[in-house]
Amino acid sequence: MIPRFHCPALAAAPGSSVTLPDQAAHHAVRVLRLRVGDAVTLFSGNGEEWQGAIAEAGRDVRVTINASGPGIVEPELEITLVQSLPSGDKMDWIVQKAVELGVSAIQPVTARRSVVKLDGDRARKRNVHWQEVAISACEQSGRNVVPTVLPLLDLNQYFTHARKEEGLRFLLSPEGGRRLRDMEKPAGRISLLIGPEGGFEDGEVDAARSVGFTPLQLGPRVLRTETAGLAALAAMMAVWGDL
C-alpha cells in the first residue's frame, strides 16, 4: 500500500513540488524509511488527493506531484457520533475506528456518570490529540476528508446546540427502541448519542428525548460505551450506506 500523508491547505498540480509538513516528513523518513523515488499519496483533508514521488529526503522532504487522485470517496450518510467521554484511552480507539467506518464528525460530551472529567487546558489538549488521531485514521483508511473532532461539551450544553440542528437524532438504548431494519433510509444528517460507562441518568434521557432524540436498540445484548457507537455506526453504514 502506498503511504498517505496529510498536507492541510495543499494546492498542487502535476509537475509541482511540495514540502511535507514536519510531522509527515518525520514519519516518512524516520518511521517508514522512505527514500528518493518512493511513491506517496498526499491529501488535503478537504477532498483533494495527489499521487507523487519523493524527490528529496533530507532535512526537508519534498514530493514531486505526478497526478491528481480520485477525489472524494466519502459516504453519502452524514453521521455525527456524540460520544460520552469514556475512561482511559478508549476515546482514541473510538475516534480511530469511527473515522475508518465513515463518520462525518465526532462530538465528545461529558455526562453525569462520565468517569473522566476534563476542562480548560486539559480539554483543549485532548481535543488536539483526538484530531491528530482522526488524521492518522484518514491516512490509513484512504479517506480524503478529515472528520472534525468538535470541542468537548457538557451534555446539557450539547442539548442546547442540538435544538438548533436539523436531521435525525438517535439515542442508543439497551432498554428498547426502534430498530434500523424497520426504518427507511434517512435523507438528512444523523446524530447518534452514546452514553458513558454507567449509562445515562433518567433525567439525561428525558432531556435527550425533549430535543428530539429517538431511542434506538441494537439487539438484546448490552454493549460497552466503546463498542456501542461503533456497532451502531457500522450497522447504519451497512443498512443505509456503503458498507
C-alpha atoms as a PDB file:
ATOM      1  CA  MET A   1       0.000   0.000   0.000  1.00  0.00           C
ATOM      2  CA  ILE A   2       1.353   3.426  -0.974  1.00  0.00           C
ATOM      3  CA  PRO A   3       1.920   5.606   2.124  1.00  0.00           C
ATOM      4  CA  ARG A   4      -0.510   8.516   2.520  1.00  0.00           C
ATOM      5  CA  PHE A   5       0.268  11.854   4.188  1.00  0.00           C
ATOM      6  CA  HIS A   6      -1.975  14.690   5.282  1.00  0.00           C
ATOM      7  CA  CYS A   7      -0.914  18.066   3.909  1.00  0.00           C
ATOM      8  CA  PRO A   8      -3.510  20.635   5.038  1.00  0.00           C
ATOM      9  CA  ALA A   9      -4.413  23.520   2.713  1.00  0.00           C
ATOM     10  CA  LEU A  10      -2.365  21.925  -0.053  1.00  0.00           C
ATOM     11  CA  ALA A  11      -2.972  23.113  -3.618  1.00  0.00           C
ATOM     12  CA  ALA A  12      -0.873  21.243  -6.158  1.00  0.00           C
ATOM     13  CA  ALA A  13      -0.622  20.443  -9.856  1.00  0.00           C
ATOM     14  CA  PRO A  14       1.236  17.777 -11.856  1.00  0.00           C
ATOM     15  CA  GLY A  15       4.923  18.687 -12.079  1.00  0.00           C
ATOM     16  CA  SER A  16       4.900  20.874  -8.983  1.00  0.00           C
ATOM     17  CA  SER A  17       6.943  20.228  -5.850  1.00  0.00           C
ATOM     18  CA  VAL A  18       5.560  20.064  -2.307  1.00  0.00           C
ATOM     19  CA  THR A  19       7.431  20.133   1.021  1.00  0.00           C
ATOM     20  CA  LEU A  20       5.872  17.815   3.592  1.00  0.00           C
ATOM     21  CA  PRO A  21       4.863  19.227   6.989  1.00  0.00           C
ATOM     22  CA  ASP A  22       7.328  18.406   9.771  1.00  0.00           C
ATOM     23  CA  GLN A  23       5.261  15.614  11.332  1.00  0.00           C
ATOM     24  CA  ALA A  24       4.570  13.946   7.988  1.00  0.00           C
ATOM     25  CA  ALA A  25       8.225  14.316   6.968  1.00  0.00           C
ATOM     26  CA  HIS A  26       9.428  12.684  10.198  1.00  0.00           C
ATOM     27  CA  HIS A  27       7.015   9.790   9.744  1.00  0.00           C
ATOM     28  CA  ALA A  28       8.017   9.331   6.093  1.00  0.00           C
ATOM     29  CA  VAL A  29      11.792   9.293   6.627  1.00  0.00           C
ATOM     30  CA  ARG A  30      12.341   8.211  10.243  1.00  0.00           C
ATOM     31  CA  VAL A  31       9.479   5.741  10.690  1.00  0.00           C
ATOM     32  CA  LEU A  32       8.698   4.376   7.213  1.00  0.00           C
ATOM     33  CA  ARG A  33      12.286   4.812   5.949  1.00  0.00           C
ATOM     34  CA  LEU A  34      11.134   6.137   2.591  1.00  0.00           C
ATOM     35  CA  ARG A  35      13.783   7.194   0.097  1.00  0.00           C
ATOM     36  CA  VAL A  36      14.052   9.284  -3.075  1.00  0.00           C
ATOM     37  CA  GLY A  37      11.856   7.791  -5.774  1.00  0.00           C
ATOM     38  CA  ASP A  38       9.380   6.101  -3.441  1.00  0.00           C
ATOM     39  CA  ALA A  39       5.730   6.673  -4.335  1.00  0.00           C
ATOM     40  CA  VAL A  40       3.460   8.560  -1.902  1.00  0.00           C
ATOM     41  CA  THR A  41      -0.082   9.922  -1.811  1.00  0.00           C
ATOM     42  CA  LEU A  42      -0.866  13.370  -0.381  1.00  0.00           C
ATOM     43  CA  PHE A  43      -4.311  14.618   0.648  1.00  0.00           C
ATOM     44  CA  SER A  44      -5.513  17.979   1.881  1.00  0.00           C
ATOM     45  CA  GLY A  45      -8.269  16.800   4.219  1.00  0.00           C
ATOM     46  CA  ASN A  46     -10.874  18.687   2.185  1.00  0.00           C
ATOM     47  CA  GLY A  47     -11.287  16.096  -0.561  1.00  0.00           C
ATOM     48  CA  GLU A  48      -8.259  16.632  -2.821  1.00  0.00           C
ATOM     49  CA  GLU A  49      -5.683  13.905  -3.344  1.00  0.00           C
ATOM     50  CA  TRP A  50      -2.441  13.728  -5.358  1.00  0.00           C
ATOM     51  CA  GLN A  51      -0.040  10.976  -6.376  1.00  0.00           C
ATOM     52  CA  GLY A  52       3.679  11.753  -6.265  1.00  0.00           C
ATOM     53  CA  ALA A  53       7.181  10.534  -5.526  1.00  0.00           C
ATOM     54  CA  ILE A  54       9.798  11.641  -3.005  1.00  0.00           C
ATOM     55  CA  ALA A  55      12.311  13.946  -4.697  1.00  0.00           C
ATOM     56  CA  GLU A  56      14.346  14.879  -1.612  1.00  0.00           C
ATOM     57  CA  ALA A  57      14.655  13.074   1.736  1.00  0.00           C
ATOM     58  CA  GLY A  58      16.933  15.223   3.861  1.00  0.00           C
ATOM     59  CA  ARG A  59      16.244  17.941   6.396  1.00  0.00           C
ATOM     60  CA  ASP A  60      13.245  18.789   4.205  1.00  0.00           C
ATOM     61  CA  VAL A  61      11.206  16.122   2.486  1.00  0.00           C
ATOM     62  CA  ARG A  62       9.982  17.207  -0.942  1.00  0.00           C
ATOM     63  CA  VAL A  63       7.476  15.383  -3.127  1.00  0.00           C
ATOM     64  CA  THR A  64       7.073  15.828  -6.887  1.00  0.00           C
ATOM     65  CA  ILE A  65       3.402  15.666  -7.867  1.00  0.00           C
ATOM     66  CA  ASN A  66       2.643  13.325 -10.763  1.00  0.00           C
ATOM     67  CA  ALA A  67      -1.164  13.281 -10.948  1.00  0.00           C
ATOM     68  CA  SER A  68      -4.332  14.103  -9.061  1.00  0.00           C
ATOM     69  CA  GLY A  69      -6.156  11.307  -7.286  1.00  0.00           C
ATOM     70  CA  PRO A  70      -9.732  10.058  -7.436  1.00  0.00           C
ATOM     71  CA  GLY A  71     -11.132  12.846  -5.256  1.00  0.00           C
ATOM     72  CA  ILE A  72     -13.807  12.488  -2.590  1.00  0.00           C
ATOM     73  CA  VAL A  73     -14.780   8.933  -1.687  1.00  0.00           C
ATOM     74  CA  GLU A  74     -16.940   9.850   1.300  1.00  0.00           C
ATOM     75  CA  PRO A  75     -20.140   8.002   2.273  1.00  0.00           C
ATOM     76  CA  GLU A  76     -23.449   9.661   1.465  1.00  0.00           C
ATOM     77  CA  LEU A  77     -24.577   9.292   5.075  1.00  0.00           C
ATOM     78  CA  GLU A  78     -23.597  12.221   7.305  1.00  0.00           C
ATOM     79  CA  ILE A  79     -23.328  10.836  10.828  1.00  0.00           C
ATOM     80  CA  THR A  80     -22.140  12.743  13.871  1.00  0.00           C
ATOM     81  CA  LEU A  81     -21.117  10.460  16.718  1.00  0.00           C
ATOM     82  CA  VAL A  82     -21.986  12.155  20.019  1.00  0.00           C
ATOM     83  CA  GLN A  83     -19.814  10.145  22.393  1.00  0.00           C
ATOM     84  CA  SER A  84     -19.900  10.423  26.169  1.00  0.00           C
ATOM     85  CA  LEU A  85     -16.324  10.625  27.401  1.00  0.00           C
ATOM     86  CA  PRO A  86     -15.055   7.148  28.382  1.00  0.00           C
ATOM     87  CA  SER A  87     -12.303   6.251  30.811  1.00  0.00           C
ATOM     88  CA  GLY A  88      -8.630   5.719  29.986  1.00  0.00           C
ATOM     89  CA  ASP A  89      -7.550   5.954  26.377  1.00  0.00           C
ATOM     90  CA  LYS A  90     -10.750   4.444  24.973  1.00  0.00           C
ATOM     91  CA  MET A  91     -11.620   7.693  23.212  1.00  0.00           C
ATOM     92  CA  ASP A  92      -8.542   7.331  20.997  1.00  0.00           C
ATOM     93  CA  TRP A  93      -9.788   3.937  19.841  1.00  0.00           C
ATOM     94  CA  ILE A  94     -13.341   5.229  19.314  1.00  0.00           C
ATOM     95  CA  VAL A  95     -12.134   8.163  17.200  1.00  0.00           C
ATOM     96  CA  GLN A  96      -9.839   5.962  15.121  1.00  0.00           C
ATOM     97  CA  LYS A  97     -12.442   3.309  14.339  1.00  0.00           C
ATOM     98  CA  ALA A  98     -15.289   5.777  13.807  1.00  0.00           C
ATOM     99  CA  VAL A  99     -13.201   7.583  11.175  1.00  0.00           C
ATOM    100  CA  GLU A 100     -12.380   4.286   9.471  1.00  0.00           C
ATOM    101  CA  LEU A 101     -16.100   3.430   9.358  1.00  0.00           C
ATOM    102  CA  GLY A 102     -17.040   6.757   7.739  1.00  0.00           C
ATOM    103  CA  VAL A 103     -18.218   9.108  10.488  1.00  0.00           C
ATOM    104  CA  SER A 104     -18.600  12.761   9.429  1.00  0.00           C
ATOM    105  CA  ALA A 105     -17.907  14.375  12.819  1.00  0.00           C
ATOM    106  CA  ILE A 106     -17.339  13.417  16.447  1.00  0.00           C
ATOM    107  CA  GLN A 107     -18.769  15.402  19.340  1.00  0.00           C
ATOM    108  CA  PRO A 108     -17.328  14.389  22.737  1.00  0.00           C
ATOM    109  CA  VAL A 109     -19.644  15.140  25.679  1.00  0.00           C
ATOM    110  CA  THR A 110     -19.417  14.799  29.456  1.00  0.00           C
ATOM    111  CA  ALA A 111     -22.379  13.121  31.153  1.00  0.00           C
ATOM    112  CA  ARG A 112     -23.051  12.954  34.887  1.00  0.00           C
ATOM    113  CA  ARG A 113     -21.709   9.389  35.152  1.00  0.00           C
ATOM    114  CA  SER A 114     -18.645  10.015  32.994  1.00  0.00           C
ATOM    115  CA  VAL A 115     -15.607   8.720  34.863  1.00  0.00           C
ATOM    116  CA  VAL A 116     -13.198  11.206  33.266  1.00  0.00           C
ATOM    117  CA  LYS A 117     -13.750  14.944  33.682  1.00  0.00           C
ATOM    118  CA  LEU A 118     -11.767  17.360  31.512  1.00  0.00           C
ATOM    119  CA  ASP A 119     -11.892  21.126  31.402  1.00  0.00           C
ATOM    120  CA  GLY A 120      -9.841  24.128  30.362  1.00  0.00           C
ATOM    121  CA  ASP A 121      -6.365  23.437  29.003  1.00  0.00           C
ATOM    122  CA  ARG A 122      -6.618  19.676  29.513  1.00  0.00           C
ATOM    123  CA  ALA A 123      -9.761  19.518  27.397  1.00  0.00           C
ATOM    124  CA  ARG A 124      -8.174  21.612  24.646  1.00  0.00           C
ATOM    125  CA  LYS A 125      -5.060  19.408  24.562  1.00  0.00           C
ATOM    126  CA  ARG A 126      -7.138  16.246  24.346  1.00  0.00           C
ATOM    127  CA  ASN A 127      -9.176  17.739  21.523  1.00  0.00           C
ATOM    128  CA  VAL A 128      -5.995  18.476  19.551  1.00  0.00           C
ATOM    129  CA  HIS A 129      -4.799  14.930  20.226  1.00  0.00           C
ATOM    130  CA  TRP A 130      -8.091  13.374  19.081  1.00  0.00           C
ATOM    131  CA  GLN A 131      -7.983  15.435  15.883  1.00  0.00           C
ATOM    132  CA  GLU A 132      -4.499  14.043  15.211  1.00  0.00           C
ATOM    133  CA  VAL A 133      -5.874  10.529  15.762  1.00  0.00           C
ATOM    134  CA  ALA A 134      -8.576  11.288  13.180  1.00  0.00           C
ATOM    135  CA  ILE A 135      -5.954  12.477  10.672  1.00  0.00           C
ATOM    136  CA  SER A 136      -3.896   9.305  11.186  1.00  0.00           C
ATOM    137  CA  ALA A 137      -7.017   7.198  10.658  1.00  0.00           C
ATOM    138  CA  CYS A 138      -7.659   9.010   7.364  1.00  0.00           C
ATOM    139  CA  GLU A 139      -4.084   8.356   6.261  1.00  0.00           C
ATOM    140  CA  GLN A 140      -4.532   4.645   6.963  1.00  0.00           C
ATOM    141  CA  SER A 141      -8.080   4.176   5.645  1.00  0.00           C
ATOM    142  CA  GLY A 142      -7.856   6.143   2.391  1.00  0.00           C
ATOM    143  CA  ARG A 143     -10.255   8.933   3.328  1.00  0.00           C
ATOM    144  CA  ASN A 144      -9.581  12.347   1.787  1.00  0.00           C
ATOM    145  CA  VAL A 145     -11.864  14.375   4.072  1.00  0.00           C
ATOM    146  CA  VAL A 146     -10.822  14.591   7.724  1.00  0.00           C
ATOM    147  CA  PRO A 147     -13.798  14.444  10.124  1.00  0.00           C
ATOM    148  CA  THR A 148     -13.847  17.199  12.722  1.00  0.00           C
ATOM    149  CA  VAL A 149     -13.496  16.287  16.379  1.00  0.00           C
ATOM    150  CA  LEU A 150     -15.504  19.068  17.996  1.00  0.00           C
ATOM    151  CA  PRO A 151     -14.598  20.666  21.360  1.00  0.00           C
ATOM    152  CA  LEU A 152     -15.752  18.776  24.447  1.00  0.00           C
ATOM    153  CA  LEU A 153     -19.131  19.925  25.780  1.00  0.00           C
ATOM    154  CA  ASP A 154     -21.152  19.236  28.891  1.00  0.00           C
ATOM    155  CA  LEU A 155     -24.193  17.172  27.880  1.00  0.00           C
ATOM    156  CA  ASN A 156     -26.624  19.992  28.676  1.00  0.00           C
ATOM    157  CA  GLN A 157     -24.523  22.392  26.589  1.00  0.00           C
ATOM    158  CA  TYR A 158     -24.737  19.943  23.718  1.00  0.00           C
ATOM    159  CA  PHE A 159     -28.527  19.693  24.053  1.00  0.00           C
ATOM    160  CA  THR A 160     -28.735  23.489  23.733  1.00  0.00           C
ATOM    161  CA  HIS A 161     -26.850  23.252  20.425  1.00  0.00           C
ATOM    162  CA  ALA A 162     -28.869  20.220  19.302  1.00  0.00           C
ATOM    163  CA  ARG A 163     -32.131  22.167  19.471  1.00  0.00           C
ATOM    164  CA  LYS A 164     -30.894  24.293  16.562  1.00  0.00           C
ATOM    165  CA  GLU A 165     -29.629  21.423  14.386  1.00  0.00           C
ATOM    166  CA  GLU A 166     -31.507  19.666  11.615  1.00  0.00           C
ATOM    167  CA  GLY A 167     -31.650  15.943  10.897  1.00  0.00           C
ATOM    168  CA  LEU A 168     -32.481  12.727  12.713  1.00  0.00           C
ATOM    169  CA  ARG A 169     -31.319  12.118  16.278  1.00  0.00           C
ATOM    170  CA  PHE A 170     -30.885   8.704  17.844  1.00  0.00           C
ATOM    171  CA  LEU A 171     -30.130   7.749  21.437  1.00  0.00           C
ATOM    172  CA  LEU A 172     -28.678   4.262  21.716  1.00  0.00           C
ATOM    173  CA  SER A 173     -30.686   2.493  24.412  1.00  0.00           C
ATOM    174  CA  PRO A 174     -30.346  -1.033  25.850  1.00  0.00           C
ATOM    175  CA  GLU A 175     -33.884  -0.770  27.225  1.00  0.00           C
ATOM    176  CA  GLY A 176     -35.680  -0.802  23.903  1.00  0.00           C
ATOM    177  CA  GLY A 177     -36.408   1.457  20.983  1.00  0.00           C
ATOM    178  CA  ARG A 178     -36.696   1.444  17.217  1.00  0.00           C
ATOM    179  CA  ARG A 179     -34.707  -0.972  15.058  1.00  0.00           C
ATOM    180  CA  LEU A 180     -32.718   0.085  11.982  1.00  0.00           C
ATOM    181  CA  ARG A 181     -34.262  -2.625   9.828  1.00  0.00           C
ATOM    182  CA  ASP A 182     -37.714  -1.140  10.434  1.00  0.00           C
ATOM    183  CA  MET A 183     -36.761   2.357   9.214  1.00  0.00           C
ATOM    184  CA  GLU A 184     -36.363   3.901   5.785  1.00  0.00           C
ATOM    185  CA  LYS A 185     -33.021   5.367   4.754  1.00  0.00           C
ATOM    186  CA  PRO A 186     -32.858   8.943   6.092  1.00  0.00           C
ATOM    187  CA  ALA A 187     -32.328  11.821   3.689  1.00  0.00           C
ATOM    188  CA  GLY A 188     -30.518  14.187   6.047  1.00  0.00           C
ATOM    189  CA  ARG A 189     -27.909  14.355   8.757  1.00  0.00           C
ATOM    190  CA  ILE A 190     -27.881  11.863  11.644  1.00  0.00           C
ATOM    191  CA  SER A 191     -26.751  12.429  15.232  1.00  0.00           C
ATOM    192  CA  LEU A 192     -26.016   9.319  17.294  1.00  0.00           C
ATOM    193  CA  LEU A 193     -25.807   9.778  21.070  1.00  0.00           C
ATOM    194  CA  ILE A 194     -23.879   7.238  23.184  1.00  0.00           C
ATOM    195  CA  GLY A 195     -23.895   7.100  26.974  1.00  0.00           C
ATOM    196  CA  PRO A 196     -20.966   6.701  29.422  1.00  0.00           C
ATOM    197  CA  GLU A 197     -19.833   3.509  31.190  1.00  0.00           C
ATOM    198  CA  GLY A 198     -22.595   3.767  33.800  1.00  0.00           C
ATOM    199  CA  GLY A 199     -25.271   4.788  31.323  1.00  0.00           C
ATOM    200  CA  PHE A 200     -27.283   7.977  31.237  1.00  0.00           C
ATOM    201  CA  GLU A 201     -29.309   9.063  34.255  1.00  0.00           C
ATOM    202  CA  ASP A 202     -33.077   9.183  33.762  1.00  0.00           C
ATOM    203  CA  GLY A 203     -33.066  12.973  33.649  1.00  0.00           C
ATOM    204  CA  GLU A 204     -30.462  12.938  30.865  1.00  0.00           C
ATOM    205  CA  VAL A 205     -32.570  10.515  28.835  1.00  0.00           C
ATOM    206  CA  ASP A 206     -35.600  12.743  29.332  1.00  0.00           C
ATOM    207  CA  ALA A 207     -33.580  15.790  28.252  1.00  0.00           C
ATOM    208  CA  ALA A 208     -32.370  13.959  25.142  1.00  0.00           C
ATOM    209  CA  ARG A 209     -35.898  12.985  24.171  1.00  0.00           C
ATOM    210  CA  SER A 210     -37.088  16.540  24.733  1.00  0.00           C
ATOM    211  CA  VAL A 211     -34.731  17.782  21.998  1.00  0.00           C
ATOM    212  CA  GLY A 212     -35.756  15.118  19.519  1.00  0.00           C
ATOM    213  CA  PHE A 213     -33.610  12.057  20.252  1.00  0.00           C
ATOM    214  CA  THR A 214     -35.368   8.759  19.479  1.00  0.00           C
ATOM    215  CA  PRO A 215     -34.286   5.616  21.380  1.00  0.00           C
ATOM    216  CA  LEU A 216     -32.548   3.095  19.133  1.00  0.00           C
ATOM    217  CA  GLN A 217     -31.887  -0.537  20.041  1.00  0.00           C
ATOM    218  CA  LEU A 218     -29.134  -2.814  18.712  1.00  0.00           C
ATOM    219  CA  GLY A 219     -30.324  -6.276  19.651  1.00  0.00           C
ATOM    220  CA  PRO A 220     -30.746  -7.889  23.080  1.00  0.00           C
ATOM    221  CA  ARG A 221     -27.159  -7.510  24.336  1.00  0.00           C
ATOM    222  CA  VAL A 222     -25.827  -4.582  26.358  1.00  0.00           C
ATOM    223  CA  LEU A 223     -22.759  -3.082  24.670  1.00  0.00           C
ATOM    224  CA  ARG A 224     -19.935  -1.162  26.318  1.00  0.00           C
ATOM    225  CA  THR A 225     -19.651   2.536  25.548  1.00  0.00           C
ATOM    226  CA  GLU A 226     -16.559   1.981  23.393  1.00  0.00           C
ATOM    227  CA  THR A 227     -18.410  -0.709  21.394  1.00  0.00           C
ATOM    228  CA  ALA A 228     -21.934   0.704  21.177  1.00  0.00           C
ATOM    229  CA  GLY A 229     -21.333   3.731  18.967  1.00  0.00           C
ATOM    230  CA  LEU A 230     -19.064   1.856  16.582  1.00  0.00           C
ATOM    231  CA  ALA A 231     -21.531  -1.024  16.278  1.00  0.00           C
ATOM    232  CA  ALA A 232     -24.370   1.396  15.552  1.00  0.00           C
ATOM    233  CA  LEU A 233     -22.248   3.322  13.061  1.00  0.00           C
ATOM    234  CA  ALA A 234     -21.273   0.125  11.247  1.00  0.00           C
ATOM    235  CA  ALA A 235     -24.901  -1.039  11.199  1.00  0.00           C
ATOM    236  CA  MET A 236     -26.101   2.271   9.756  1.00  0.00           C
ATOM    237  CA  MET A 237     -23.416   2.205   7.085  1.00  0.00           C
ATOM    238  CA  ALA A 238     -24.339  -1.389   6.233  1.00  0.00           C
ATOM    239  CA  VAL A 239     -28.110  -0.796   6.108  1.00  0.00           C
ATOM    240  CA  TRP A 240     -28.172   2.731   4.653  1.00  0.00           C
ATOM    241  CA  GLY A 241     -24.639   3.492   3.482  1.00  0.00           C
ATOM    242  CA  ASP A 242     -21.766   1.978   1.507  1.00  0.00           C
ATOM    243  CA  LEU A 243     -20.519  -0.949   3.620  1.00  0.00           C
END
